[in-house]
Protein backbone atom coordinates (compact mmCIF):
# COMPACT_ATOMS: atom_id res chain seq x y z
CA MET A 1 10.30 48.58 6.79
CA LYS A 2 14.24 47.72 6.76
CA PRO A 3 15.76 46.72 3.64
CA GLY A 4 16.79 43.38 5.12
CA ARG A 5 13.12 42.41 6.01
CA LEU A 6 11.80 43.87 2.99
CA LEU A 7 13.96 41.54 1.09
CA ALA A 8 12.92 38.39 3.35
CA ALA A 9 9.07 39.41 2.68
CA GLY A 10 9.64 39.28 -0.97
CA LEU A 11 11.53 35.68 -0.44
CA LEU A 12 8.62 34.46 1.21
CA MET A 13 6.34 35.62 -0.92
CA ALA A 14 7.92 34.21 -3.84
CA ALA A 15 8.50 31.22 -2.45
CA VAL A 16 4.31 31.06 -2.16
CA LEU A 17 3.83 31.76 -5.16
CA SER A 18 6.31 29.57 -7.48
CA PRO A 19 6.72 26.13 -7.17
CA SER A 20 9.99 25.59 -5.32
CA ALA A 21 12.84 23.90 -6.97
CA ARG A 22 12.96 20.93 -4.88
CA ALA A 23 8.82 20.34 -5.56
CA ALA A 24 10.17 20.71 -9.39
CA ASP A 25 12.43 17.93 -9.35
CA GLU A 26 9.47 15.47 -7.32
CA LEU A 27 7.53 12.88 -8.99
CA VAL A 28 3.56 14.16 -9.27
CA LEU A 29 1.58 11.69 -6.97
CA ARG A 30 -1.90 11.89 -7.52
CA TRP A 31 -5.39 10.62 -6.98
CA SER A 32 -7.34 8.59 -9.92
CA THR A 33 -10.27 9.61 -11.07
CA GLN A 34 -11.14 6.19 -11.09
CA ALA A 35 -10.89 5.62 -7.16
CA GLY A 36 -13.85 8.80 -6.52
CA THR A 37 -13.87 11.70 -4.69
CA LYS A 38 -13.67 9.67 -0.58
CA PRO A 39 -11.10 7.05 0.23
CA THR A 40 -12.35 3.16 -0.42
CA PHE A 41 -12.53 0.91 2.43
CA ARG A 42 -14.04 -2.59 2.32
CA GLY A 43 -14.49 -5.50 4.83
CA VAL A 44 -12.21 -8.42 4.23
CA LEU A 45 -14.84 -11.26 2.09
CA ASN A 46 -14.92 -14.56 4.02
CA LYS A 47 -12.44 -15.84 1.07
CA ASP A 48 -14.26 -19.23 1.69
CA SER A 49 -17.91 -18.18 1.31
CA ALA A 50 -16.81 -16.31 -1.87
CA GLY A 51 -15.19 -19.37 -3.29
CA MET A 52 -11.95 -17.77 -3.22
CA GLY A 53 -10.34 -20.51 -1.08
CA ALA A 54 -8.48 -19.75 2.25
CA GLY A 55 -5.99 -16.95 2.03
CA GLY A 56 -7.19 -16.56 -1.69
CA MET A 57 -5.78 -13.08 -3.27
CA LEU A 58 -8.55 -11.38 -4.26
CA TYR A 59 -7.36 -11.17 -8.07
CA PRO A 60 -9.18 -13.23 -9.91
CA ALA A 61 -6.90 -13.09 -12.92
CA PRO A 62 -2.91 -13.88 -13.50
CA GLY A 63 -0.88 -10.37 -12.77
CA LEU A 64 -2.11 -6.81 -13.32
CA VAL A 65 -4.97 -7.55 -15.32
CA GLY A 66 -6.55 -9.33 -12.29
CA LEU A 67 -5.30 -6.30 -9.65
CA PHE A 68 -6.79 -3.82 -11.53
CA ALA A 69 -10.01 -5.47 -12.15
CA ALA A 70 -10.08 -6.44 -8.04
CA VAL A 71 -9.78 -2.98 -7.41
CA LEU A 72 -12.15 -1.22 -9.65
CA ALA A 73 -14.58 -3.93 -8.50
CA HIS A 74 -14.37 -3.10 -4.91
CA ALA A 75 -14.28 0.54 -5.83
CA ALA A 76 -17.90 -0.22 -7.39
CA VAL A 77 -18.84 -2.75 -5.29
CA ASN A 78 -22.39 -1.54 -6.08
CA SER A 79 -22.39 -1.55 -9.63
CA SER A 80 -23.82 -3.44 -12.49
CA VAL A 81 -20.41 -5.36 -12.73
CA GLN A 82 -20.88 -7.22 -9.96
CA SER A 83 -23.35 -10.71 -9.14
CA ALA A 84 -26.01 -9.81 -6.82
CA GLU A 85 -24.66 -13.10 -4.44
CA MET A 86 -20.92 -10.98 -4.40
CA ARG A 87 -22.75 -7.62 -3.23
CA LYS A 88 -24.30 -9.65 -0.47
CA LEU A 89 -21.25 -11.20 0.07
CA GLN A 90 -19.52 -7.78 0.27
CA ASP A 91 -22.03 -6.15 2.47
CA GLN A 92 -21.52 -8.37 5.16
CA ALA A 93 -17.96 -7.96 5.27
CA ASP A 94 -18.41 -4.19 5.22
CA GLU A 95 -20.01 -4.24 8.36
CA VAL A 96 -17.10 -4.74 10.48
CA LEU A 97 -15.92 -1.01 9.18
CA LYS A 98 -19.26 0.24 11.09
CA PRO A 99 -17.71 1.07 14.86
CA TYR A 100 -14.78 3.47 12.23
CA SER A 101 -17.56 5.38 10.62
CA THR A 102 -16.77 8.45 12.17
CA ALA A 103 -12.76 7.80 11.32
CA LEU A 104 -13.38 7.07 7.70
CA ASP A 105 -15.66 10.38 7.08
CA GLY A 106 -12.60 12.07 8.35
CA ILE A 107 -10.54 10.89 5.63
CA ALA A 108 -9.99 13.04 2.92
CA VAL A 109 -7.86 12.45 -0.30
CA ASP A 110 -6.32 15.47 -0.76
CA ASP A 111 -5.24 14.94 3.28
CA LEU A 112 -3.86 11.27 2.66
CA LEU A 113 -1.28 12.75 -0.43
CA VAL A 114 -0.19 14.92 1.49
CA GLN A 115 0.07 12.97 4.41
CA THR A 116 1.85 10.15 2.02
CA ARG A 117 4.18 12.44 1.08
CA THR A 118 5.78 14.13 3.67
CA ALA A 119 5.78 10.07 5.24
CA LEU A 120 8.01 9.26 2.38
CA ALA A 121 11.96 9.89 2.63
CA PRO A 122 12.66 13.09 0.61
CA GLN A 123 14.58 10.91 -2.37
CA SER A 124 11.78 8.61 -2.84
CA LEU A 125 9.57 10.81 -4.77
CA ASN A 126 12.92 12.20 -6.37
CA VAL A 127 12.68 12.42 -10.26
CA ARG A 128 14.92 9.39 -11.65
CA PRO A 129 17.58 10.34 -14.69
CA GLY A 130 15.28 9.54 -18.01
CA TRP A 131 12.27 10.86 -16.35
CA VAL A 132 11.15 13.83 -17.13
CA ASN A 133 7.75 15.19 -15.93
CA ALA A 134 7.02 11.82 -13.89
CA ASN A 135 3.98 11.26 -12.26
CA LEU A 136 2.34 8.26 -10.79
CA GLU A 137 -2.18 7.72 -10.78
CA LEU A 138 -2.81 5.23 -7.57
CA THR A 139 -6.13 3.75 -7.77
CA PRO A 140 -6.33 2.15 -4.01
CA VAL A 141 -8.94 0.34 -1.77
CA PHE A 142 -8.47 -0.14 1.79
CA LEU A 143 -9.74 -3.65 3.78
CA MET A 144 -10.04 -4.22 6.79
CA THR A 145 -9.71 -7.79 8.07
CA GLN A 146 -12.88 -9.17 10.10
CA ASP A 147 -10.71 -9.75 13.62
CA ARG A 148 -10.04 -5.85 12.73
CA ARG A 149 -6.45 -6.58 13.76
CA ALA A 150 -5.18 -5.29 10.21
CA VAL A 151 -5.98 -3.15 7.44
CA LEU A 152 -4.77 -3.95 3.69
CA LEU A 153 -3.99 -1.65 0.63
CA ASP A 154 -4.74 -3.04 -2.69
CA VAL A 155 -3.39 -0.41 -5.18
CA ALA A 156 -3.01 -0.30 -8.69
CA ALA A 157 -1.27 2.28 -10.32
CA GLN A 158 -0.30 4.36 -13.62
CA PHE A 159 3.61 4.96 -13.92
CA ASN A 160 4.20 7.71 -16.84
CA ASP A 161 8.06 8.52 -16.40
CA GLY A 162 7.68 11.44 -19.43
CA THR A 163 9.45 9.71 -21.88
CA SER A 164 8.28 6.44 -22.88
CA GLY A 165 4.57 7.68 -23.66
CA LYS A 166 2.96 5.07 -22.85
CA PRO A 167 1.68 4.57 -19.18
CA ARG A 168 3.24 1.60 -17.43
CA GLN A 169 0.89 -0.18 -14.95
CA LEU A 170 1.74 -1.16 -11.51
CA GLY A 171 0.34 -2.96 -8.76
CA MET A 172 0.13 -4.28 -4.92
CA ARG A 173 -0.76 -5.20 -1.95
CA VAL A 174 0.50 -4.21 1.31
CA VAL A 175 -0.52 -5.85 4.59
CA SER A 176 -0.09 -3.37 7.85
CA ASP A 177 1.32 -4.85 10.81
CA PRO A 178 -0.94 -6.78 13.16
CA ARG A 179 -1.99 -4.96 16.27
CA GLY A 180 -3.39 -6.96 19.47
CA GLN A 181 -6.51 -8.21 19.94
CA VAL A 182 -9.29 -5.83 19.70
CA ALA A 183 -11.46 -5.03 22.85
CA ASP A 184 -14.25 -3.55 23.50
CA GLY A 185 -14.04 0.18 24.58
CA GLN A 186 -10.35 0.18 24.01
CA ASP A 187 -10.25 -0.05 20.49
CA ASP A 188 -7.71 2.99 19.08
CA TRP A 189 -8.57 3.15 15.84
CA ALA A 190 -12.20 4.36 16.68
CA SER A 191 -11.32 6.12 19.68
CA ARG A 192 -7.95 7.74 18.97
CA GLU A 193 -8.06 10.51 16.20
CA GLY A 194 -6.09 10.14 12.92
CA ALA A 195 -4.91 6.21 14.38
CA LEU A 196 -6.95 4.73 11.21
CA LYS A 197 -6.03 7.54 8.75
CA LYS A 198 -1.93 6.89 10.21
CA VAL A 199 -2.22 3.15 8.96
CA CYS A 200 -4.07 4.55 5.53
CA VAL A 201 -0.66 6.34 5.57
CA ASP A 202 2.06 3.79 6.32
CA LEU A 203 0.29 1.57 4.03
CA LEU A 204 0.10 4.02 0.94
CA ALA A 205 3.96 5.44 1.16
CA ARG A 206 4.95 1.43 1.07
CA ALA A 207 3.36 1.14 -1.74
CA VAL A 208 4.42 4.34 -3.59
CA ARG A 209 8.30 3.73 -2.34
CA HIS A 210 8.44 0.27 -3.44
CA MET A 211 6.51 0.70 -6.92
CA LEU A 212 8.66 3.43 -7.79
CA ASP A 213 11.80 1.62 -6.80
CA SER A 214 10.48 -0.98 -9.04
CA VAL A 215 10.40 0.83 -12.13
CA ASP A 216 13.98 3.31 -11.56
CA PRO A 217 15.99 2.97 -14.46
CA ALA A 218 19.33 2.96 -11.96
CA ARG A 219 18.13 0.28 -9.93
CA PRO A 220 20.63 -2.55 -9.66
CA ALA A 221 19.68 -5.81 -10.98
CA THR A 222 18.32 -7.71 -8.15
CA ALA A 223 19.90 -10.61 -7.19
CA PRO A 224 18.23 -14.28 -8.69
CA ALA A 225 15.92 -15.17 -5.69
CA THR A 226 14.18 -18.58 -5.62
CA GLU A 227 10.47 -19.45 -5.06
CA ARG A 228 9.89 -20.23 -1.27
CA THR A 229 6.52 -20.37 1.14
CA VAL A 230 6.19 -17.18 2.72
CA ARG A 231 4.34 -17.29 5.87
CA PHE A 232 2.79 -14.17 7.31
CA SER A 233 0.53 -12.32 9.46
CA GLU A 234 -3.10 -11.07 8.16
CA GLY A 235 -4.99 -9.55 11.32
CA GLY A 236 -4.48 -12.52 13.28
CA ALA A 237 -4.46 -14.82 10.65
CA LEU A 238 -1.86 -17.04 9.43
CA ARG A 239 -1.51 -16.68 5.29
CA MET A 240 0.59 -17.83 2.71
CA GLU A 241 2.53 -16.87 -0.41
CA ARG A 242 4.32 -18.68 -3.15
CA SER A 243 6.75 -15.83 -3.75
CA LYS A 244 10.11 -14.85 -4.49
CA VAL A 245 11.55 -12.38 -1.20
CA LEU A 246 12.95 -9.16 -2.73
CA GLU A 247 13.92 -7.64 0.34
CA GLN A 248 13.53 -8.20 4.06
CA ARG A 249 14.35 -6.05 6.66
CA CYS A 250 12.30 -4.07 9.99
CA GLY A 251 9.88 -7.60 10.58
CA ARG A 252 8.91 -7.30 7.05
CA ALA A 253 9.33 -9.01 3.29
CA LEU A 254 8.82 -7.41 -0.11
CA LEU A 255 7.29 -10.56 -2.35
CA LEU A 256 7.30 -10.81 -5.66
CA THR A 257 3.95 -13.31 -6.60
CA LEU A 258 3.90 -16.15 -8.98
CA SER A 259 1.57 -13.50 -10.78
CA ASP A 260 3.96 -11.44 -10.82
CA THR A 261 1.94 -8.78 -8.37
CA LEU A 262 4.40 -7.31 -5.58
CA MET A 263 3.46 -8.07 -1.75
CA SER A 264 4.61 -6.02 1.37
CA VAL A 265 3.95 -8.40 4.54
CA PRO A 266 4.91 -8.62 8.33
CA LEU A 267 7.01 -11.63 9.68
CA SER A 268 6.40 -10.79 13.12
CA ASN A 269 9.08 -13.31 14.36
CA ALA A 270 11.87 -12.06 12.17
CA ALA A 271 14.74 -10.67 13.90
CA LEU A 272 14.85 -6.58 13.70
CA ASP A 273 18.33 -4.91 13.63
CA ALA A 274 19.10 -2.16 15.59
CA GLU A 275 18.04 0.66 12.94
CA CYS A 276 14.13 -0.94 13.10
CA ALA A 277 14.54 -2.51 16.99
CA SER A 278 14.13 0.91 18.73
CA ALA A 279 10.73 1.97 16.88
CA VAL A 280 8.85 -1.38 17.03
CA THR A 281 5.41 -0.12 18.89
CA GLN A 282 3.28 -2.97 17.94
CA GLU A 283 2.18 -6.19 20.40
CA PRO A 284 3.96 -9.74 19.66
CA VAL A 285 1.55 -11.80 17.98
CA ALA A 286 1.87 -15.50 17.01
CA ALA A 287 5.26 -16.58 15.60
CA VAL A 288 5.41 -16.22 11.56
CA ALA A 289 8.05 -17.03 9.43
CA VAL A 290 9.50 -17.33 5.59
CA ALA A 291 9.75 -21.09 5.92
CA GLY A 292 9.12 -23.86 2.99
CA THR A 293 11.75 -25.77 0.37
CA ALA A 294 13.25 -23.58 -2.05
CA SER A 295 12.74 -24.37 -6.06
CA PRO A 296 15.18 -22.85 -8.54
CA ALA A 297 13.31 -20.46 -10.82
CA PRO A 298 14.79 -17.98 -13.19
CA ALA A 299 14.98 -14.23 -11.90
CA THR A 300 12.20 -12.01 -12.00
CA SER A 301 12.71 -8.39 -11.20
CA ALA A 302 9.84 -6.80 -9.03
CA GLY A 303 6.90 -5.19 -10.82
CA GLN A 304 7.58 -6.70 -14.26
């Protein structure tokens, strides 16, 4: 073998056997052992029947404590922590998943994590100044709306920056962009290989990016925001959330709710800028908007 080719082969072998410099500068993203060995999928509960109120969040208590409790309860819905009535309601809600059993069986945790890393911009996983061997541990639950037009992600996370010694609890809900009405025999989530997994990857990537941005020590201070009632689409349903709008672009908004949890939601009638307009593939849905009377409130940083 020529010396040049020998050198190239040696460099390739070294790259395979040892971590790259880029990988060493990236945050470690991992799946929590509490989340199980397969991604958890549930149907969205009929919230009125569950006594939660129309459009109510799944969180049974304010803030991240409630978020973690809800996520873990969904991940272990058949355990003794769930009442018999709640198990019955959840079993009924899970019927919506039956047409997707083959697609769901093909979604593996390792594959989701690999594709999520790929979907994130390279800088999104870069270790920020002040972080040492930082890692983010995810406990996610995916939920499908009963009209089969959207997937929700509730994710609780433990973030360790490697210096403070105590992991920080993070969490949020991400609602997928709504798709058009689902007709029998024309459901791409069931018929097109990888379509449903692509939605899950998008939700995870959005959640990871927003949660890491919220704990970035170099992040500029957010401008003071006022509370407002945000109307958004959850599949074909209109939902409302009293919150502060932290970011709005590409037809979506990042919210900080009154319980200090983050939400990423679709605002289907928001004007798209040139950067986003060319990438729009969703069918139009009923108009939803950010609306309401603003009321002054102290500024709160995302993720606190």
